[in-house]
C-alpha atoms as a PDB file:
ATOM      1  CA  MET A   1      33.852 -79.452-249.603  1.00  0.00           C
ATOM      2  CA  ASN A   2      29.996 -79.272-249.322  1.00  0.00           C
ATOM      3  CA  GLU A   3      27.850 -82.646-249.754  1.00  0.00           C
ATOM      4  CA  GLU A   4      26.821 -81.764-253.215  1.00  0.00           C
ATOM      5  CA  ASN A   5      30.443 -81.072-254.639  1.00  0.00           C
ATOM      6  CA  GLN A   6      31.386 -84.505-252.835  1.00  0.00           C
ATOM      7  CA  ALA A   7      28.844 -86.130-254.709  1.00  0.00           C
ATOM      8  CA  ILE A   8      29.764 -84.678-258.184  1.00  0.00           C
ATOM      9  CA  GLU A   9      33.421 -85.779-257.632  1.00  0.00           C
ATOM     10  CA  GLU A  10      32.305 -89.251-256.611  1.00  0.00           C
ATOM     11  CA  ILE A  11      30.114 -89.384-259.728  1.00  0.00           C
ATOM     12  CA  LYS A  12      32.993 -88.081-262.060  1.00  0.00           C
ATOM     13  CA  GLN A  13      34.804 -91.191-260.818  1.00  0.00           C
ATOM     14  CA  LEU A  14      32.195 -93.575-261.547  1.00  0.00           C
ATOM     15  CA  GLU A  15      31.376 -91.966-264.911  1.00  0.00           C
ATOM     16  CA  ASP A  16      35.034 -92.828-265.798  1.00  0.00           C
ATOM     17  CA  ALA A  17      34.662 -96.402-264.297  1.00  0.00           C
ATOM     18  CA  ARG A  18      31.328 -96.702-266.446  1.00  0.00           C
ATOM     19  CA  TYR A  19      32.777 -95.664-269.578  1.00  0.00           C
ATOM     20  CA  ALA A  20      35.994 -97.797-269.263  1.00  0.00           C
ATOM     21  CA  SER A  21      34.028-100.806-268.406  1.00  0.00           C
ATOM     22  CA  MET A  22      31.879-100.336-271.428  1.00  0.00           C
ATOM     23  CA  LEU A  23      34.964 -99.897-273.405  1.00  0.00           C
ATOM     24  CA  GLY A  24      36.632-103.037-271.883  1.00  0.00           C
ATOM     25  CA  LYS A  25      33.404-105.202-271.546  1.00  0.00           C
ATOM     26  CA  ASP A  26      34.190-105.491-267.860  1.00  0.00           C
ATOM     27  CA  ILE A  27      30.626-106.960-266.908  1.00  0.00           C
ATOM     28  CA  PRO A  28      31.401-107.170-263.058  1.00  0.00           C
ATOM     29  CA  VAL A  29      32.228-103.631-262.870  1.00  0.00           C
ATOM     30  CA  LEU A  30      28.876-102.747-264.917  1.00  0.00           C
ATOM     31  CA  ASP A  31      26.899-105.087-262.628  1.00  0.00           C
ATOM     32  CA  ARG A  32      28.060-103.159-259.635  1.00  0.00           C
ATOM     33  CA  LEU A  33      27.428 -99.653-261.246  1.00  0.00           C
ATOM     34  CA  LEU A  34      24.015 -99.937-263.119  1.00  0.00           C
ATOM     35  CA  ASP A  35      20.900-100.023-260.876  1.00  0.00           C
ATOM     36  CA  ASP A  36      18.476-102.999-261.025  1.00  0.00           C
ATOM     37  CA  LYS A  37      15.754-100.608-262.572  1.00  0.00           C
ATOM     38  CA  LEU A  38      17.972 -99.177-265.227  1.00  0.00           C
ATOM     39  CA  ILE A  39      16.297 -97.832-268.327  1.00  0.00           C
ATOM     40  CA  TYR A  40      19.009 -97.295-270.881  1.00  0.00           C
ATOM     41  CA  MET A  41      17.481 -95.305-273.661  1.00  0.00           C
ATOM     42  CA  HIS A  42      19.775 -95.332-276.850  1.00  0.00           C
ATOM     43  CA  SER A  43      20.018 -92.575-279.258  1.00  0.00           C
ATOM     44  CA  THR A  44      18.310 -94.781-281.951  1.00  0.00           C
ATOM     45  CA  GLY A  45      15.286 -94.758-279.404  1.00  0.00           C
ATOM     46  CA  VAL A  46      15.838 -98.496-278.415  1.00  0.00           C
ATOM     47  CA  ALA A  47      15.523 -98.994-274.711  1.00  0.00           C
ATOM     48  CA  ASP A  48      17.355-101.391-272.604  1.00  0.00           C
ATOM     49  CA  THR A  49      17.062-102.747-269.104  1.00  0.00           C
ATOM     50  CA  LYS A  50      20.279-103.608-266.786  1.00  0.00           C
ATOM     51  CA  SER A  51      20.071-107.154-267.838  1.00  0.00           C
ATOM     52  CA  SER A  52      19.423-106.789-271.733  1.00  0.00           C
ATOM     53  CA  TYR A  53      22.204-103.935-271.966  1.00  0.00           C
ATOM     54  CA  ILE A  54      24.671-106.044-270.153  1.00  0.00           C
ATOM     55  CA  GLU A  55      24.062-109.148-271.999  1.00  0.00           C
ATOM     56  CA  GLY A  56      24.346-107.060-275.031  1.00  0.00           C
ATOM     57  CA  LEU A  57      27.833-106.068-274.336  1.00  0.00           C
ATOM     58  CA  ARG A  58      28.631-109.470-273.286  1.00  0.00           C
ATOM     59  CA  THR A  59      27.468-111.192-276.678  1.00  0.00           C
ATOM     60  CA  GLY A  60      28.863-108.297-278.970  1.00  0.00           C
ATOM     61  CA  VAL A  61      25.767-106.471-279.898  1.00  0.00           C
ATOM     62  CA  TRP A  62      27.626-103.598-278.818  1.00  0.00           C
ATOM     63  CA  ASP A  63      31.392-103.196-279.236  1.00  0.00           C
ATOM     64  CA  TYR A  64      32.538-100.022-278.248  1.00  0.00           C
ATOM     65  CA  HIS A  65      36.053 -98.796-279.673  1.00  0.00           C
ATOM     66  CA  GLU A  66      36.183 -95.252-278.378  1.00  0.00           C
ATOM     67  CA  VAL A  67      33.869 -93.023-276.432  1.00  0.00           C
ATOM     68  CA  GLY A  68      34.697 -89.134-276.473  1.00  0.00           C
ATOM     69  CA  ARG A  69      33.115 -86.876-273.757  1.00  0.00           C
ATOM     70  CA  THR A  70      32.858 -83.132-273.869  1.00  0.00           C
ATOM     71  CA  GLU A  71      30.736 -80.647-272.562  1.00  0.00           C
ATOM     72  CA  ARG A  72      29.998 -82.282-269.260  1.00  0.00           C
ATOM     73  CA  ARG A  73      27.633 -80.544-266.568  1.00  0.00           C
ATOM     74  CA  TYR A  74      26.921 -82.050-263.366  1.00  0.00           C
ATOM     75  CA  GLN A  75      23.682 -81.174-261.074  1.00  0.00           C
ATOM     76  CA  ALA A  76      23.494 -82.527-257.744  1.00  0.00           C
ATOM     77  CA  ASP A  77      20.151 -82.386-255.648  1.00  0.00           C
ATOM     78  CA  GLY A  78      20.067 -84.508-252.642  1.00  0.00           C
ATOM     79  CA  ASP A  79      20.452 -88.224-253.507  1.00  0.00           C
ATOM     80  CA  ILE A  80      20.432 -87.454-257.513  1.00  0.00           C
ATOM     81  CA  VAL A  81      23.335 -86.577-259.668  1.00  0.00           C
ATOM     82  CA  LEU A  82      22.550 -85.485-263.302  1.00  0.00           C
ATOM     83  CA  VAL A  83      25.156 -85.964-266.013  1.00  0.00           C
ATOM     84  CA  PHE A  84      24.883 -83.922-269.261  1.00  0.00           C
ATOM     85  CA  GLY A  85      27.252 -84.271-272.001  1.00  0.00           C
ATOM     86  CA  LYS A  86      27.996 -84.696-275.598  1.00  0.00           C
ATOM     87  CA  LEU A  87      29.595 -88.157-276.706  1.00  0.00           C
ATOM     88  CA  ALA A  88      31.436 -88.860-279.925  1.00  0.00           C
ATOM     89  CA  ILE A  89      31.209 -92.572-280.180  1.00  0.00           C
ATOM     90  CA  ARG A  90      32.750 -95.121-282.508  1.00  0.00           C
ATOM     91  CA  MET A  91      31.506 -98.786-282.227  1.00  0.00           C
ATOM     92  CA  THR A  92      30.502-101.779-284.088  1.00  0.00           C
ATOM     93  CA  THR A  93      26.818-102.844-283.545  1.00  0.00           C
ATOM     94  CA  ARG A  94      25.595-106.121-284.896  1.00  0.00           C
ATOM     95  CA  GLY A  95      28.689-106.328-287.368  1.00  0.00           C
ATOM     96  CA  VAL A  96      28.082-102.718-288.597  1.00  0.00           C
ATOM     97  CA  HIS A  97      30.638-100.026-287.716  1.00  0.00           C
ATOM     98  CA  LYS A  98      29.273 -96.685-286.929  1.00  0.00           C
ATOM     99  CA  ALA A  99      30.401 -93.198-285.835  1.00  0.00           C
ATOM    100  CA  PHE A 100      28.297 -90.618-284.484  1.00  0.00           C
ATOM    101  CA  GLU A 101      27.773 -87.864-281.795  1.00  0.00           C
ATOM    102  CA  SER A 102      24.707 -87.505-279.262  1.00  0.00           C
ATOM    103  CA  ARG A 103      23.670 -85.505-276.565  1.00  0.00           C
ATOM    104  CA  ALA A 104      23.194 -87.888-273.117  1.00  0.00           C
ATOM    105  CA  LEU A 105      21.681 -87.513-269.701  1.00  0.00           C
ATOM    106  CA  ALA A 106      22.780 -90.067-267.095  1.00  0.00           C
ATOM    107  CA  VAL A 107      20.852 -90.109-263.939  1.00  0.00           C
ATOM    108  CA  TRP A 108      23.003 -91.354-260.684  1.00  0.00           C
ATOM    109  CA  VAL A 109      21.077 -92.242-257.386  1.00  0.00           C
ATOM    110  CA  ARG A 110      22.316 -92.785-254.150  1.00  0.00           C
ATOM    111  CA  LYS A 111      21.338 -96.030-252.527  1.00  0.00           C
ATOM    112  CA  PRO A 112      22.237 -97.461-249.085  1.00  0.00           C
ATOM    113  CA  ASP A 113      25.189 -99.249-250.633  1.00  0.00           C
ATOM    114  CA  GLY A 114      26.297 -96.538-252.751  1.00  0.00           C
ATOM    115  CA  TRP A 115      25.542 -94.700-256.104  1.00  0.00           C
ATOM    116  CA  ARG A 116      24.022 -96.562-259.048  1.00  0.00           C
ATOM    117  CA  LEU A 117      23.315 -95.458-262.645  1.00  0.00           C
ATOM    118  CA  LEU A 118      19.217 -95.285-262.785  1.00  0.00           C
ATOM    119  CA  ALA A 119      18.675 -93.884-266.348  1.00  0.00           C
ATOM    120  CA  VAL A 120      20.279 -92.791-269.607  1.00  0.00           C
ATOM    121  CA  GLN A 121      18.974 -90.901-272.089  1.00  0.00           C
ATOM    122  CA  SER A 122      20.553 -90.226-275.442  1.00  0.00           C
ATOM    123  CA  GLY A 123      19.770 -88.364-278.491  1.00  0.00           C
ATOM    124  CA  ALA A 124      21.522 -88.406-281.869  1.00  0.00           C
ATOM    125  CA  ILE A 125      23.203 -85.284-283.272  1.00  0.00           C
ATOM    126  CA  PRO A 126      22.337 -85.071-286.901  1.00  0.00           C
ATOM    127  CA  ALA A 127      25.516 -84.728-288.988  1.00  0.00           C
ATOM    128  CA  PRO A 128      25.896 -81.549-290.688  1.00  0.00           C
ATOM    129  CA  GLY A 129      24.427 -80.877-294.086  1.00  0.00           C
END
């Protein structure tokens, strides 16, 4: 297996761990996966840092019920792996239940101590009609 394919396989596992920890509110796992410089751009246009995103999960601002991931595509380039995909999300945000679809880009960077999620950019897909 070449280096790019190996990196993609590692990121696939880390993405699975990231979504499982979002759903399960596993803060220690997220703290390990998210880079200290993380910028998390939500589909609403709201941006979070690592600390504000983790705090939002911890305090229940975001309560993910289900995240379906399809149309995943991975692109490796040296110490960067881009993950493109379509998300179907069911969640409660500040007490309001929401269900929506979005397209997302996750940017992973290889650091001396392992891969870290550096950025997320998400854009809502308008409902039909």
